[in-house]
Amino acid sequence: DFDFCDIDTFDMSDPEAYSKYDWSLYGTVINCGAYTAVDRAETPEGRVIAWKANATGPALLARTCAGHGITLVHVSSDYVFDGTAEVHTEDEPLSPLSVYGQTKAAG
């Protein structure tokens, strides 16, 4: 069995939202949630939303999963690198060029 939710049913950037779930029911959480409007993330309004969705939310989710012994799989884009290499490795230092990339790296 699995559960699926989106921002309308679970805002992972809201600490209060976590109390609505019985986390003991879960062994793995797969997070694909993100703010993906790259250009809009560079605006004052978009920056706030991007940080909530791409950094604050994943941090709260990771903390919750760790506290309950739940495996967390976080699916994200590669905007955390500057694109100067043809292939970026997992051990390469982060080098985001934009607010969007910074929020993805923080997440």
PDB file of N, CA and C in Angstrom:
ATOM      1  N   ASP A   1       0.833  -1.185   0.000  1.00  0.00           N
ATOM      2  CA  ASP A   1       0.000   0.000   0.000  1.00  0.00           C
ATOM      3  C   ASP A   1       0.879   1.251   0.000  1.00  0.00           C
ATOM      4  N   PHE A   2       0.315   2.334  -0.466  1.00  0.00           N
ATOM      5  CA  PHE A   2       1.028   3.601  -0.426  1.00  0.00           C
ATOM      6  C   PHE A   2       0.029   4.733  -0.322  1.00  0.00           C
ATOM      7  N   ASP A   3       0.509   5.852   0.150  1.00  0.00           N
ATOM      8  CA  ASP A   3      -0.269   7.088   0.198  1.00  0.00           C
ATOM      9  C   ASP A   3       0.400   8.083  -0.727  1.00  0.00           C
ATOM     10  N   PHE A   4      -0.389   8.962  -1.278  1.00  0.00           N
ATOM     11  CA  PHE A   4       0.118  10.023  -2.145  1.00  0.00           C
ATOM     12  C   PHE A   4      -0.495  11.327  -1.665  1.00  0.00           C
ATOM     13  N   CYS A   5       0.299  12.367  -1.634  1.00  0.00           N
ATOM     14  CA  CYS A   5      -0.267  13.674  -1.287  1.00  0.00           C
ATOM     15  C   CYS A   5       0.448  14.748  -2.088  1.00  0.00           C
ATOM     16  N   ASP A   6      -0.213  15.885  -2.172  1.00  0.00           N
ATOM     17  CA  ASP A   6       0.372  17.037  -2.844  1.00  0.00           C
ATOM     18  C   ASP A   6       0.244  18.246  -1.922  1.00  0.00           C
ATOM     19  N   ILE A   7       0.622  19.383  -2.405  1.00  0.00           N
ATOM     20  CA  ILE A   7       0.641  20.590  -1.592  1.00  0.00           C
ATOM     21  C   ILE A   7      -0.739  20.937  -1.027  1.00  0.00           C
ATOM     22  N   ASP A   8      -1.805  20.521  -1.725  1.00  0.00           N
ATOM     23  CA  ASP A   8      -3.163  20.804  -1.247  1.00  0.00           C
ATOM     24  C   ASP A   8      -3.526  19.984  -0.014  1.00  0.00           C
ATOM     25  N   THR A   9      -2.890  18.815   0.152  1.00  0.00           N
ATOM     26  CA  THR A   9      -3.212  17.965   1.295  1.00  0.00           C
ATOM     27  C   THR A   9      -2.092  17.897   2.323  1.00  0.00           C
ATOM     28  N   PHE A  10      -0.866  18.253   1.925  1.00  0.00           N
ATOM     29  CA  PHE A  10       0.262  18.233   2.853  1.00  0.00           C
ATOM     30  C   PHE A  10       1.298  19.261   2.422  1.00  0.00           C
ATOM     31  N   ASP A  11       1.366  20.356   3.158  1.00  0.00           N
ATOM     32  CA  ASP A  11       2.374  21.386   2.904  1.00  0.00           C
ATOM     33  C   ASP A  11       3.587  21.033   3.755  1.00  0.00           C
ATOM     34  N   MET A  12       4.597  20.410   3.153  1.00  0.00           N
ATOM     35  CA  MET A  12       5.730  19.912   3.925  1.00  0.00           C
ATOM     36  C   MET A  12       6.580  21.033   4.518  1.00  0.00           C
ATOM     37  N   SER A  13       6.331  22.285   4.150  1.00  0.00           N
ATOM     38  CA  SER A  13       7.050  23.404   4.752  1.00  0.00           C
ATOM     39  C   SER A  13       6.360  23.922   6.006  1.00  0.00           C
ATOM     40  N   ASP A  14       5.205  23.355   6.328  1.00  0.00           N
ATOM     41  CA  ASP A  14       4.431  23.765   7.503  1.00  0.00           C
ATOM     42  C   ASP A  14       4.652  22.761   8.638  1.00  0.00           C
ATOM     43  N   PRO A  15       5.361  23.154   9.687  1.00  0.00           N
ATOM     44  CA  PRO A  15       5.623  22.213  10.794  1.00  0.00           C
ATOM     45  C   PRO A  15       4.361  21.610  11.393  1.00  0.00           C
ATOM     46  N   GLU A  16       3.277  22.354  11.378  1.00  0.00           N
ATOM     47  CA  GLU A  16       2.008  21.856  11.931  1.00  0.00           C
ATOM     48  C   GLU A  16       1.443  20.679  11.139  1.00  0.00           C
ATOM     49  N   ALA A  17       1.727  20.621   9.854  1.00  0.00           N
ATOM     50  CA  ALA A  17       1.169  19.579   8.990  1.00  0.00           C
ATOM     51  C   ALA A  17       1.648  18.189   9.378  1.00  0.00           C
ATOM     52  N   TYR A  18       2.796  18.091   9.999  1.00  0.00           N
ATOM     53  CA  TYR A  18       3.389  16.791  10.329  1.00  0.00           C
ATOM     54  C   TYR A  18       2.630  16.063  11.429  1.00  0.00           C
ATOM     55  N   SER A  19       1.920  16.798  12.268  1.00  0.00           N
ATOM     56  CA  SER A  19       1.175  16.172  13.361  1.00  0.00           C
ATOM     57  C   SER A  19      -0.086  15.459  12.876  1.00  0.00           C
ATOM     58  N   LYS A  20      -0.461  15.661  11.620  1.00  0.00           N
ATOM     59  CA  LYS A  20      -1.680  15.057  11.082  1.00  0.00           C
ATOM     60  C   LYS A  20      -1.452  13.637  10.575  1.00  0.00           C
ATOM     61  N   TYR A  21      -0.216  13.144  10.639  1.00  0.00           N
ATOM     62  CA  TYR A  21       0.103  11.819  10.109  1.00  0.00           C
ATOM     63  C   TYR A  21       0.613  10.900  11.201  1.00  0.00           C
ATOM     64  N   ASP A  22       0.268   9.628  11.087  1.00  0.00           N
ATOM     65  CA  ASP A  22       0.809   8.590  11.964  1.00  0.00           C
ATOM     66  C   ASP A  22       2.047   8.042  11.264  1.00  0.00           C
ATOM     67  N   TRP A  23       3.191   8.590  11.591  1.00  0.00           N
ATOM     68  CA  TRP A  23       4.433   8.257  10.894  1.00  0.00           C
ATOM     69  C   TRP A  23       4.878   6.824  11.133  1.00  0.00           C
ATOM     70  N   SER A  24       4.334   6.174  12.145  1.00  0.00           N
ATOM     71  CA  SER A  24       4.711   4.774  12.403  1.00  0.00           C
ATOM     72  C   SER A  24       4.197   3.841  11.308  1.00  0.00           C
ATOM     73  N   LEU A  25       3.295   4.331  10.461  1.00  0.00           N
ATOM     74  CA  LEU A  25       2.751   3.514   9.376  1.00  0.00           C
ATOM     75  C   LEU A  25       3.670   3.442   8.167  1.00  0.00           C
ATOM     76  N   TYR A  26       4.735   4.259   8.148  1.00  0.00           N
ATOM     77  CA  TYR A  26       5.560   4.387   6.952  1.00  0.00           C
ATOM     78  C   TYR A  26       6.963   3.842   7.157  1.00  0.00           C
ATOM     79  N   GLY A  27       7.457   3.161   6.132  1.00  0.00           N
ATOM     80  CA  GLY A  27       8.828   2.656   6.144  1.00  0.00           C
ATOM     81  C   GLY A  27       9.708   3.444   5.195  1.00  0.00           C
ATOM     82  N   THR A  28       9.100   3.998   4.147  1.00  0.00           N
ATOM     83  CA  THR A  28       9.828   4.778   3.151  1.00  0.00           C
ATOM     84  C   THR A  28       8.961   5.949   2.701  1.00  0.00           C
ATOM     85  N   VAL A  29       9.575   7.093   2.535  1.00  0.00           N
ATOM     86  CA  VAL A  29       8.916   8.264   1.971  1.00  0.00           C
ATOM     87  C   VAL A  29       9.712   8.675   0.735  1.00  0.00           C
ATOM     88  N   ILE A  30       9.016   8.859  -0.372  1.00  0.00           N
ATOM     89  CA  ILE A  30       9.645   9.340  -1.595  1.00  0.00           C
ATOM     90  C   ILE A  30       9.155  10.754  -1.831  1.00  0.00           C
ATOM     91  N   ASN A  31      10.069  11.708  -1.778  1.00  0.00           N
ATOM     92  CA  ASN A  31       9.720  13.109  -1.972  1.00  0.00           C
ATOM     93  C   ASN A  31      10.079  13.544  -3.389  1.00  0.00           C
ATOM     94  N   CYS A  32       9.051  13.903  -4.142  1.00  0.00           N
ATOM     95  CA  CYS A  32       9.241  14.473  -5.483  1.00  0.00           C
ATOM     96  C   CYS A  32       8.698  15.891  -5.527  1.00  0.00           C
ATOM     97  N   GLY A  33       8.310  16.409  -4.396  1.00  0.00           N
ATOM     98  CA  GLY A  33       7.719  17.734  -4.335  1.00  0.00           C
ATOM     99  C   GLY A  33       8.765  18.817  -4.481  1.00  0.00           C
ATOM    100  N   ALA A  34       8.421  19.851  -5.225  1.00  0.00           N
ATOM    101  CA  ALA A  34       9.353  20.969  -5.402  1.00  0.00           C
ATOM    102  C   ALA A  34       8.652  22.137  -6.067  1.00  0.00           C
ATOM    103  N   TYR A  35       9.232  23.283  -5.897  1.00  0.00           N
ATOM    104  CA  TYR A  35       8.848  24.469  -6.656  1.00  0.00           C
ATOM    105  C   TYR A  35       9.772  24.493  -7.850  1.00  0.00           C
ATOM    106  N   THR A  36       9.227  24.362  -9.048  1.00  0.00           N
ATOM    107  CA  THR A  36      10.066  24.183 -10.237  1.00  0.00           C
ATOM    108  C   THR A  36      10.007  25.347 -11.226  1.00  0.00           C
ATOM    109  N   ALA A  37       9.424  26.446 -10.823  1.00  0.00           N
ATOM    110  CA  ALA A  37       9.365  27.619 -11.702  1.00  0.00           C
ATOM    111  C   ALA A  37      10.702  28.362 -11.583  1.00  0.00           C
ATOM    112  N   VAL A  38      11.679  27.904 -12.353  1.00  0.00           N
ATOM    113  CA  VAL A  38      13.055  28.397 -12.237  1.00  0.00           C
ATOM    114  C   VAL A  38      13.127  29.918 -12.355  1.00  0.00           C
ATOM    115  N   ASP A  39      12.552  30.486 -13.391  1.00  0.00           N
ATOM    116  CA  ASP A  39      12.614  31.938 -13.582  1.00  0.00           C
ATOM    117  C   ASP A  39      11.844  32.692 -12.512  1.00  0.00           C
ATOM    118  N   ARG A  40      10.681  32.161 -12.122  1.00  0.00           N
ATOM    119  CA  ARG A  40       9.875  32.823 -11.103  1.00  0.00           C
ATOM    120  C   ARG A  40      10.552  32.809  -9.735  1.00  0.00           C
ATOM    121  N   ALA A  41      11.431  31.828  -9.504  1.00  0.00           N
ATOM    122  CA  ALA A  41      12.158  31.759  -8.231  1.00  0.00           C
ATOM    123  C   ALA A  41      13.088  32.953  -8.045  1.00  0.00           C
ATOM    124  N   GLU A  42      13.356  33.666  -9.125  1.00  0.00           N
ATOM    125  CA  GLU A  42      14.221  34.842  -9.057  1.00  0.00           C
ATOM    126  C   GLU A  42      13.452  36.108  -8.702  1.00  0.00           C
ATOM    127  N   THR A  43      12.128  36.015  -8.552  1.00  0.00           N
ATOM    128  CA  THR A  43      11.318  37.176  -8.177  1.00  0.00           C
ATOM    129  C   THR A  43      11.139  37.207  -6.661  1.00  0.00           C
ATOM    130  N   PRO A  44      10.801  38.344  -6.090  1.00  0.00           N
ATOM    131  CA  PRO A  44      10.601  38.398  -4.638  1.00  0.00           C
ATOM    132  C   PRO A  44       9.557  37.395  -4.136  1.00  0.00           C
ATOM    133  N   GLU A  45       8.435  37.265  -4.829  1.00  0.00           N
ATOM    134  CA  GLU A  45       7.391  36.337  -4.398  1.00  0.00           C
ATOM    135  C   GLU A  45       7.836  34.888  -4.607  1.00  0.00           C
ATOM    136  N   GLY A  46       8.407  34.614  -5.759  1.00  0.00           N
ATOM    137  CA  GLY A  46       8.837  33.259  -6.079  1.00  0.00           C
ATOM    138  C   GLY A  46       9.961  32.766  -5.182  1.00  0.00           C
ATOM    139  N   ARG A  47      10.836  33.675  -4.787  1.00  0.00           N
ATOM    140  CA  ARG A  47      11.956  33.318  -3.910  1.00  0.00           C
ATOM    141  C   ARG A  47      11.444  32.740  -2.598  1.00  0.00           C
ATOM    142  N   VAL A  48      10.428  33.365  -2.020  1.00  0.00           N
ATOM    143  CA  VAL A  48       9.857  32.890  -0.756  1.00  0.00           C
ATOM    144  C   VAL A  48       9.258  31.498  -0.936  1.00  0.00           C
ATOM    145  N   ILE A  49       8.491  31.320  -1.988  1.00  0.00           N
ATOM    146  CA  ILE A  49       7.856  30.026  -2.247  1.00  0.00           C
ATOM    147  C   ILE A  49       8.909  28.958  -2.520  1.00  0.00           C
ATOM    148  N   ALA A  50       9.927  29.300  -3.313  1.00  0.00           N
ATOM    149  CA  ALA A  50      10.980  28.338  -3.633  1.00  0.00           C
ATOM    150  C   ALA A  50      11.719  27.888  -2.377  1.00  0.00           C
ATOM    151  N   TRP A  51      12.042  28.803  -1.497  1.00  0.00           N
ATOM    152  CA  TRP A  51      12.735  28.413  -0.268  1.00  0.00           C
ATOM    153  C   TRP A  51      11.858  27.525   0.604  1.00  0.00           C
ATOM    154  N   LYS A  52      10.571  27.821   0.684  1.00  0.00           N
ATOM    155  CA  LYS A  52       9.672  26.978   1.479  1.00  0.00           C
ATOM    156  C   LYS A  52       9.589  25.566   0.900  1.00  0.00           C
ATOM    157  N   ALA A  53       9.370  25.483  -0.398  1.00  0.00           N
ATOM    158  CA  ALA A  53       9.153  24.182  -1.035  1.00  0.00           C
ATOM    159  C   ALA A  53      10.434  23.377  -1.225  1.00  0.00           C
ATOM    160  N   ASN A  54      11.530  24.056  -1.542  1.00  0.00           N
ATOM    161  CA  ASN A  54      12.747  23.342  -1.917  1.00  0.00           C
ATOM    162  C   ASN A  54      13.770  23.197  -0.801  1.00  0.00           C
ATOM    163  N   ALA A  55      13.650  23.989   0.245  1.00  0.00           N
ATOM    164  CA  ALA A  55      14.625  23.918   1.337  1.00  0.00           C
ATOM    165  C   ALA A  55      13.959  23.610   2.682  1.00  0.00           C
ATOM    166  N   THR A  56      13.024  24.466   3.098  1.00  0.00           N
ATOM    167  CA  THR A  56      12.378  24.264   4.394  1.00  0.00           C
ATOM    168  C   THR A  56      11.616  22.946   4.440  1.00  0.00           C
ATOM    169  N   GLY A  57      10.811  22.681   3.418  1.00  0.00           N
ATOM    170  CA  GLY A  57      10.014  21.451   3.383  1.00  0.00           C
ATOM    171  C   GLY A  57      10.859  20.191   3.434  1.00  0.00           C
ATOM    172  N   PRO A  58      11.845  20.050   2.555  1.00  0.00           N
ATOM    173  CA  PRO A  58      12.689  18.852   2.622  1.00  0.00           C
ATOM    174  C   PRO A  58      13.439  18.711   3.948  1.00  0.00           C
ATOM    175  N   ALA A  59      13.858  19.820   4.545  1.00  0.00           N
ATOM    176  CA  ALA A  59      14.545  19.744   5.842  1.00  0.00           C
ATOM    177  C   ALA A  59      13.605  19.209   6.917  1.00  0.00           C
ATOM    178  N   LEU A  60      12.380  19.723   6.957  1.00  0.00           N
ATOM    179  CA  LEU A  60      11.400  19.228   7.936  1.00  0.00           C
ATOM    180  C   LEU A  60      11.056  17.767   7.674  1.00  0.00           C
ATOM    181  N   LEU A  61      10.899  17.410   6.411  1.00  0.00           N
ATOM    182  CA  LEU A  61      10.588  16.026   6.059  1.00  0.00           C
ATOM    183  C   LEU A  61      11.735  15.098   6.452  1.00  0.00           C
ATOM    184  N   ALA A  62      12.963  15.509   6.186  1.00  0.00           N
ATOM    185  CA  ALA A  62      14.126  14.689   6.557  1.00  0.00           C
ATOM    186  C   ALA A  62      14.215  14.520   8.068  1.00  0.00           C
ATOM    187  N   ARG A  63      13.986  15.594   8.802  1.00  0.00           N
ATOM    188  CA  ARG A  63      14.022  15.523  10.263  1.00  0.00           C
ATOM    189  C   ARG A  63      12.943  14.580  10.785  1.00  0.00           C
ATOM    190  N   THR A  64      11.754  14.659  10.204  1.00  0.00           N
ATOM    191  CA  THR A  64      10.658  13.791  10.621  1.00  0.00           C
ATOM    192  C   THR A  64      10.977  12.329  10.319  1.00  0.00           C
ATOM    193  N   CYS A  65      11.444  12.071   9.105  1.00  0.00           N
ATOM    194  CA  CYS A  65      11.772  10.690   8.731  1.00  0.00           C
ATOM    195  C   CYS A  65      12.881  10.129   9.614  1.00  0.00           C
ATOM    196  N   ALA A  66      13.917  10.911   9.856  1.00  0.00           N
ATOM    197  CA  ALA A  66      15.015  10.457  10.710  1.00  0.00           C
ATOM    198  C   ALA A  66      14.512  10.142  12.114  1.00  0.00           C
ATOM    199  N   GLY A  67      13.642  10.977  12.625  1.00  0.00           N
ATOM    200  CA  GLY A  67      13.105  10.776  13.966  1.00  0.00           C
ATOM    201  C   GLY A  67      12.241   9.537  14.112  1.00  0.00           C
ATOM    202  N   HIS A  68      11.720   9.051  13.008  1.00  0.00           N
ATOM    203  CA  HIS A  68      10.851   7.871  13.032  1.00  0.00           C
ATOM    204  C   HIS A  68      11.503   6.661  12.388  1.00  0.00           C
ATOM    205  N   GLY A  69      12.774   6.769  12.027  1.00  0.00           N
ATOM    206  CA  GLY A  69      13.471   5.644  11.406  1.00  0.00           C
ATOM    207  C   GLY A  69      12.953   5.305  10.024  1.00  0.00           C
ATOM    208  N   ILE A  70      12.483   6.306   9.296  1.00  0.00           N
ATOM    209  CA  ILE A  70      11.903   6.118   7.965  1.00  0.00           C
ATOM    210  C   ILE A  70      12.959   6.442   6.913  1.00  0.00           C
ATOM    211  N   THR A  71      13.073   5.587   5.896  1.00  0.00           N
ATOM    212  CA  THR A  71      13.963   5.863   4.774  1.00  0.00           C
ATOM    213  C   THR A  71      13.353   6.978   3.936  1.00  0.00           C
ATOM    214  N   LEU A  72      14.145   7.996   3.625  1.00  0.00           N
ATOM    215  CA  LEU A  72      13.686   9.100   2.789  1.00  0.00           C
ATOM    216  C   LEU A  72      14.449   9.072   1.473  1.00  0.00           C
ATOM    217  N   VAL A  73      13.710   9.049   0.373  1.00  0.00           N
ATOM    218  CA  VAL A  73      14.292   9.169  -0.959  1.00  0.00           C
ATOM    219  C   VAL A  73      13.867  10.534  -1.475  1.00  0.00           C
ATOM    220  N   HIS A  74      14.847  11.364  -1.785  1.00  0.00           N
ATOM    221  CA  HIS A  74      14.576  12.738  -2.228  1.00  0.00           C
ATOM    222  C   HIS A  74      14.963  12.850  -3.695  1.00  0.00           C
ATOM    223  N   VAL A  75      13.987  13.079  -4.562  1.00  0.00           N
ATOM    224  CA  VAL A  75      14.216  13.211  -5.993  1.00  0.00           C
ATOM    225  C   VAL A  75      14.301  14.693  -6.314  1.00  0.00           C
ATOM    226  N   SER A  76      15.398  15.100  -6.973  1.00  0.00           N
ATOM    227  CA  SER A  76      15.595  16.515  -7.235  1.00  0.00           C
ATOM    228  C   SER A  76      16.310  16.713  -8.563  1.00  0.00           C
ATOM    229  N   SER A  77      16.326  17.951  -9.000  1.00  0.00           N
ATOM    230  CA  SER A  77      16.987  18.308 -10.255  1.00  0.00           C
ATOM    231  C   SER A  77      18.474  18.546 -10.030  1.00  0.00           C
ATOM    232  N   ASP A  78      19.180  18.766 -11.107  1.00  0.00           N
ATOM    233  CA  ASP A  78      20.626  18.968 -11.017  1.00  0.00           C
ATOM    234  C   ASP A  78      21.017  20.437 -11.055  1.00  0.00           C
ATOM    235  N   TYR A  79      20.129  21.327 -10.724  1.00  0.00           N
ATOM    236  CA  TYR A  79      20.432  22.763 -10.730  1.00  0.00           C
ATOM    237  C   TYR A  79      21.396  23.159  -9.616  1.00  0.00           C
ATOM    238  N   VAL A  80      21.862  22.194  -8.848  1.00  0.00           N
ATOM    239  CA  VAL A  80      22.792  22.495  -7.764  1.00  0.00           C
ATOM    240  C   VAL A  80      24.223  22.628  -8.269  1.00  0.00           C
ATOM    241  N   PHE A  81      24.438  22.369  -9.564  1.00  0.00           N
ATOM    242  CA  PHE A  81      25.762  22.506 -10.159  1.00  0.00           C
ATOM    243  C   PHE A  81      25.755  23.640 -11.181  1.00  0.00           C
ATOM    244  N   ASP A  82      26.932  24.159 -11.494  1.00  0.00           N
ATOM    245  CA  ASP A  82      27.042  25.318 -12.371  1.00  0.00           C
ATOM    246  C   ASP A  82      27.095  24.984 -13.857  1.00  0.00           C
ATOM    247  N   GLY A  83      27.145  23.720 -14.222  1.00  0.00           N
ATOM    248  CA  GLY A  83      27.127  23.330 -15.621  1.00  0.00           C
ATOM    249  C   GLY A  83      28.459  23.445 -16.332  1.00  0.00           C
ATOM    250  N   THR A  84      29.536  23.690 -15.600  1.00  0.00           N
ATOM    251  CA  THR A  84      30.845  23.835 -16.239  1.00  0.00           C
ATOM    252  C   THR A  84      31.468  22.500 -16.622  1.00  0.00           C
ATOM    253  N   ALA A  85      30.983  21.412 -16.054  1.00  0.00           N
ATOM    254  CA  ALA A  85      31.480  20.076 -16.395  1.00  0.00           C
ATOM    255  C   ALA A  85      30.423  19.355 -17.225  1.00  0.00           C
ATOM    256  N   GLU A  86      30.880  18.492 -18.118  1.00  0.00           N
ATOM    257  CA  GLU A  86      29.928  17.734 -18.931  1.00  0.00           C
ATOM    258  C   GLU A  86      29.139  16.759 -18.070  1.00  0.00           C
ATOM    259  N   VAL A  87      29.819  16.140 -17.104  1.00  0.00           N
ATOM    260  CA  VAL A  87      29.183  15.212 -16.171  1.00  0.00           C
ATOM    261  C   VAL A  87      29.548  15.652 -14.756  1.00  0.00           C
ATOM    262  N   HIS A  88      28.538  15.812 -13.919  1.00  0.00           N
ATOM    263  CA  HIS A  88      28.769  16.184 -12.526  1.00  0.00           C
ATOM    264  C   HIS A  88      28.679  14.930 -11.674  1.00  0.00           C
ATOM    265  N   THR A  89      29.609  14.777 -10.731  1.00  0.00           N
ATOM    266  CA  THR A  89      29.635  13.595  -9.872  1.00  0.00           C
ATOM    267  C   THR A  89      28.948  13.884  -8.545  1.00  0.00           C
ATOM    268  N   GLU A  90      28.576  12.820  -7.837  1.00  0.00           N
ATOM    269  CA  GLU A  90      27.883  12.980  -6.567  1.00  0.00           C
ATOM    270  C   GLU A  90      28.751  13.616  -5.494  1.00  0.00           C
ATOM    271  N   ASP A  91      30.073  13.482  -5.605  1.00  0.00           N
ATOM    272  CA  ASP A  91      30.951  14.040  -4.585  1.00  0.00           C
ATOM    273  C   ASP A  91      31.481  15.434  -4.940  1.00  0.00           C
ATOM    274  N   GLU A  92      30.988  15.988  -6.035  1.00  0.00           N
ATOM    275  CA  GLU A  92      31.397  17.328  -6.463  1.00  0.00           C
ATOM    276  C   GLU A  92      30.783  18.375  -5.531  1.00  0.00           C
ATOM    277  N   PRO A  93      31.561  19.394  -5.158  1.00  0.00           N
ATOM    278  CA  PRO A  93      30.988  20.460  -4.324  1.00  0.00           C
ATOM    279  C   PRO A  93      29.835  21.161  -5.055  1.00  0.00           C
ATOM    280  N   LEU A  94      28.821  21.563  -4.299  1.00  0.00           N
ATOM    281  CA  LEU A  94      27.685  22.269  -4.872  1.00  0.00           C
ATOM    282  C   LEU A  94      28.127  23.631  -5.386  1.00  0.00           C
ATOM    283  N   SER A  95      27.523  24.062  -6.493  1.00  0.00           N
ATOM    284  CA  SER A  95      27.895  25.353  -7.088  1.00  0.00           C
ATOM    285  C   SER A  95      26.715  25.966  -7.834  1.00  0.00           C
ATOM    286  N   PRO A  96      25.582  26.178  -7.140  1.00  0.00           N
ATOM    287  CA  PRO A  96      24.410  26.717  -7.824  1.00  0.00           C
ATOM    288  C   PRO A  96      24.622  28.160  -8.285  1.00  0.00           C
ATOM    289  N   LEU A  97      24.006  28.487  -9.415  1.00  0.00           N
ATOM    290  CA  LEU A  97      24.152  29.826  -9.995  1.00  0.00           C
ATOM    291  C   LEU A  97      22.983  30.739  -9.723  1.00  0.00           C
ATOM    292  N   SER A  98      21.867  30.213  -9.277  1.00  0.00           N
ATOM    293  CA  SER A  98      20.653  31.015  -9.138  1.00  0.00           C
ATOM    294  C   SER A  98      19.979  30.772  -7.793  1.00  0.00           C
ATOM    295  N   VAL A  99      18.994  31.582  -7.486  1.00  0.00           N
ATOM    296  CA  VAL A  99      18.187  31.368  -6.280  1.00  0.00           C
ATOM    297  C   VAL A  99      17.550  29.993  -6.358  1.00  0.00           C
ATOM    298  N   TYR A 100      17.016  29.642  -7.503  1.00  0.00           N
ATOM    299  CA  TYR A 100      16.416  28.315  -7.651  1.00  0.00           C
ATOM    300  C   TYR A 100      17.418  27.229  -7.312  1.00  0.00           C
ATOM    301  N   GLY A 101      18.606  27.297  -7.873  1.00  0.00           N
ATOM    302  CA  GLY A 101      19.643  26.313  -7.583  1.00  0.00           C
ATOM    303  C   GLY A 101      20.058  26.310  -6.116  1.00  0.00           C
ATOM    304  N   GLN A 102      20.101  27.479  -5.515  1.00  0.00           N
ATOM    305  CA  GLN A 102      20.451  27.575  -4.093  1.00  0.00           C
ATOM    306  C   GLN A 102      19.402  26.878  -3.239  1.00  0.00           C
ATOM    307  N   THR A 103      18.119  27.053  -3.582  1.00  0.00           N
ATOM    308  CA  THR A 103      17.078  26.395  -2.793  1.00  0.00           C
ATOM    309  C   THR A 103      17.133  24.887  -2.972  1.00  0.00           C
ATOM    310  N   LYS A 104      17.435  24.422  -4.181  1.00  0.00           N
ATOM    311  CA  LYS A 104      17.544  22.983  -4.433  1.00  0.00           C
ATOM    312  C   LYS A 104      18.735  22.412  -3.670  1.00  0.00           C
ATOM    313  N   ALA A 105      19.856  23.140  -3.637  1.00  0.00           N
ATOM    314  CA  ALA A 105      21.033  22.683  -2.896  1.00  0.00           C
ATOM    315  C   ALA A 105      20.745  22.634  -1.388  1.00  0.00           C
ATOM    316  N   ALA A 106      20.032  23.626  -0.907  1.00  0.00           N
ATOM    317  CA  ALA A 106      19.696  23.656   0.522  1.00  0.00           C
ATOM    318  C   ALA A 106      18.786  22.500   0.897  1.00  0.00           C
ATOM    319  N   GLY A 107      17.908  22.119  -0.029  1.00  0.00           N
ATOM    320  CA  GLY A 107      17.009  20.983   0.224  1.00  0.00           C
ATOM    321  C   GLY A 107      17.753  19.680   0.250  1.00  0.00           C
TER     322      GLY A 107
END
